[in-house]
Amino acid sequence: MGIGGGIALLVIGAILSFAVSDAIDGVNLGLIGYICMGAGALMLILALVVNAQRSNTSHTAVVEHRETPPPVV
């Protein structure tokens, strides 16, 4: 839900801030839109940082090799 959720919050916030002209008593839709856009930007940045850290990990595999002695005749 990281990158997709951040983009969704950005879009919803932009719609509330710039496209909705209705007014609800006691609710400032423009401010709610700006808050959603800020939360979406923060969520998007955090998701990108976490994904970058996840791709920088390295794994080492330890393989033990045992030689079998030749068969005794």
C-alpha atoms as a PDB file:
ATOM      1  CA  MET A   1       0.000   0.000   0.000  1.00  0.00           C
ATOM      2  CA  GLY A   2       3.043   2.260   0.003  1.00  0.00           C
ATOM      3  CA  ILE A   3       3.446   3.853  -3.393  1.00  0.00           C
ATOM      4  CA  GLY A   4      -0.151   3.337  -4.511  1.00  0.00           C
ATOM      5  CA  GLY A   5      -1.557   4.712  -1.271  1.00  0.00           C
ATOM      6  CA  GLY A   6       0.683   7.777  -1.492  1.00  0.00           C
ATOM      7  CA  ILE A   7      -0.424   8.499  -5.052  1.00  0.00           C
ATOM      8  CA  ALA A   8      -4.072   7.978  -4.085  1.00  0.00           C
ATOM      9  CA  LEU A   9      -3.776  10.445  -1.199  1.00  0.00           C
ATOM     10  CA  LEU A  10      -2.099  12.987  -3.500  1.00  0.00           C
ATOM     11  CA  VAL A  11      -4.910  12.679  -6.040  1.00  0.00           C
ATOM     12  CA  ILE A  12      -7.696  12.851  -3.451  1.00  0.00           C
ATOM     13  CA  GLY A  13      -6.053  15.850  -1.803  1.00  0.00           C
ATOM     14  CA  ALA A  14      -5.652  17.657  -5.123  1.00  0.00           C
ATOM     15  CA  ILE A  15      -9.292  17.025  -5.992  1.00  0.00           C
ATOM     16  CA  LEU A  16     -10.443  18.324  -2.606  1.00  0.00           C
ATOM     17  CA  SER A  17      -8.184  21.379  -2.799  1.00  0.00           C
ATOM     18  CA  PHE A  18      -8.625  22.488  -6.382  1.00  0.00           C
ATOM     19  CA  ALA A  19     -11.734  20.899  -7.906  1.00  0.00           C
ATOM     20  CA  VAL A  20     -14.391  20.897  -5.169  1.00  0.00           C
ATOM     21  CA  SER A  21     -16.183  24.205  -4.807  1.00  0.00           C
ATOM     22  CA  ASP A  22     -18.907  23.052  -2.413  1.00  0.00           C
ATOM     23  CA  ALA A  23     -18.838  24.178   1.197  1.00  0.00           C
ATOM     24  CA  ILE A  24     -19.690  22.221   4.301  1.00  0.00           C
ATOM     25  CA  ASP A  25     -20.386  24.141   7.497  1.00  0.00           C
ATOM     26  CA  GLY A  26     -17.450  23.880   9.875  1.00  0.00           C
ATOM     27  CA  VAL A  27     -15.263  21.937   7.406  1.00  0.00           C
ATOM     28  CA  ASN A  28     -12.589  23.531   5.263  1.00  0.00           C
ATOM     29  CA  LEU A  29     -12.256  21.157   2.293  1.00  0.00           C
ATOM     30  CA  GLY A  30      -9.253  23.041   0.920  1.00  0.00           C
ATOM     31  CA  LEU A  31      -7.301  22.516   4.140  1.00  0.00           C
ATOM     32  CA  ILE A  32      -8.265  18.832   4.267  1.00  0.00           C
ATOM     33  CA  GLY A  33      -7.053  18.520   0.678  1.00  0.00           C
ATOM     34  CA  TYR A  34      -3.708  20.092   1.528  1.00  0.00           C
ATOM     35  CA  ILE A  35      -3.348  17.779   4.527  1.00  0.00           C
ATOM     36  CA  CYS A  36      -4.099  14.754   2.318  1.00  0.00           C
ATOM     37  CA  MET A  37      -1.556  15.918  -0.262  1.00  0.00           C
ATOM     38  CA  GLY A  38       1.098  16.352   2.432  1.00  0.00           C
ATOM     39  CA  ALA A  39       0.376  12.930   3.885  1.00  0.00           C
ATOM     40  CA  GLY A  40       0.464  11.409   0.391  1.00  0.00           C
ATOM     41  CA  ALA A  41       3.819  13.019  -0.403  1.00  0.00           C
ATOM     42  CA  LEU A  42       5.264  11.804   2.905  1.00  0.00           C
ATOM     43  CA  MET A  43       3.894   8.305   2.326  1.00  0.00           C
ATOM     44  CA  LEU A  44       5.323   8.228  -1.198  1.00  0.00           C
ATOM     45  CA  ILE A  45       8.782   9.344  -0.028  1.00  0.00           C
ATOM     46  CA  LEU A  46       8.819   6.813   2.814  1.00  0.00           C
ATOM     47  CA  ALA A  47       7.741   3.998   0.483  1.00  0.00           C
ATOM     48  CA  LEU A  48      10.532   4.845  -1.958  1.00  0.00           C
ATOM     49  CA  VAL A  49      13.120   4.950   0.840  1.00  0.00           C
ATOM     50  CA  VAL A  50      11.984   1.592   2.229  1.00  0.00           C
ATOM     51  CA  ASN A  51      12.040   0.017  -1.238  1.00  0.00           C
ATOM     52  CA  ALA A  52      15.537   1.384  -1.873  1.00  0.00           C
ATOM     53  CA  GLN A  53      16.783  -0.085   1.404  1.00  0.00           C
ATOM     54  CA  ARG A  54      15.182  -3.408   0.581  1.00  0.00           C
ATOM     55  CA  SER A  55      17.009  -3.638  -2.752  1.00  0.00           C
ATOM     56  CA  ASN A  56      20.414  -2.849  -1.200  1.00  0.00           C
ATOM     57  CA  THR A  57      20.534  -5.976   0.940  1.00  0.00           C
ATOM     58  CA  SER A  58      23.023  -8.711   0.200  1.00  0.00           C
ATOM     59  CA  HIS A  59      22.876 -12.367   1.068  1.00  0.00           C
ATOM     60  CA  THR A  60      25.760 -14.775   1.424  1.00  0.00           C
ATOM     61  CA  ALA A  61      25.323 -18.477   1.012  1.00  0.00           C
ATOM     62  CA  VAL A  62      27.671 -20.841   2.813  1.00  0.00           C
ATOM     63  CA  VAL A  63      28.201 -24.100   0.971  1.00  0.00           C
ATOM     64  CA  GLU A  64      29.983 -26.959   2.662  1.00  0.00           C
ATOM     65  CA  HIS A  65      31.811 -29.358   0.393  1.00  0.00           C
ATOM     66  CA  ARG A  66      32.719 -32.754   1.781  1.00  0.00           C
ATOM     67  CA  GLU A  67      34.888 -35.089  -0.158  1.00  0.00           C
ATOM     68  CA  THR A  68      33.974 -38.722   0.060  1.00  0.00           C
ATOM     69  CA  PRO A  69      36.851 -41.144   0.421  1.00  0.00           C
ATOM     70  CA  PRO A  70      37.389 -43.611  -2.440  1.00  0.00           C
ATOM     71  CA  PRO A  71      35.730 -46.995  -1.938  1.00  0.00           C
ATOM     72  CA  VAL A  72      37.867 -49.653  -0.283  1.00  0.00           C
ATOM     73  CA  VAL A  73      38.214 -52.757  -2.408  1.00  0.00           C
END
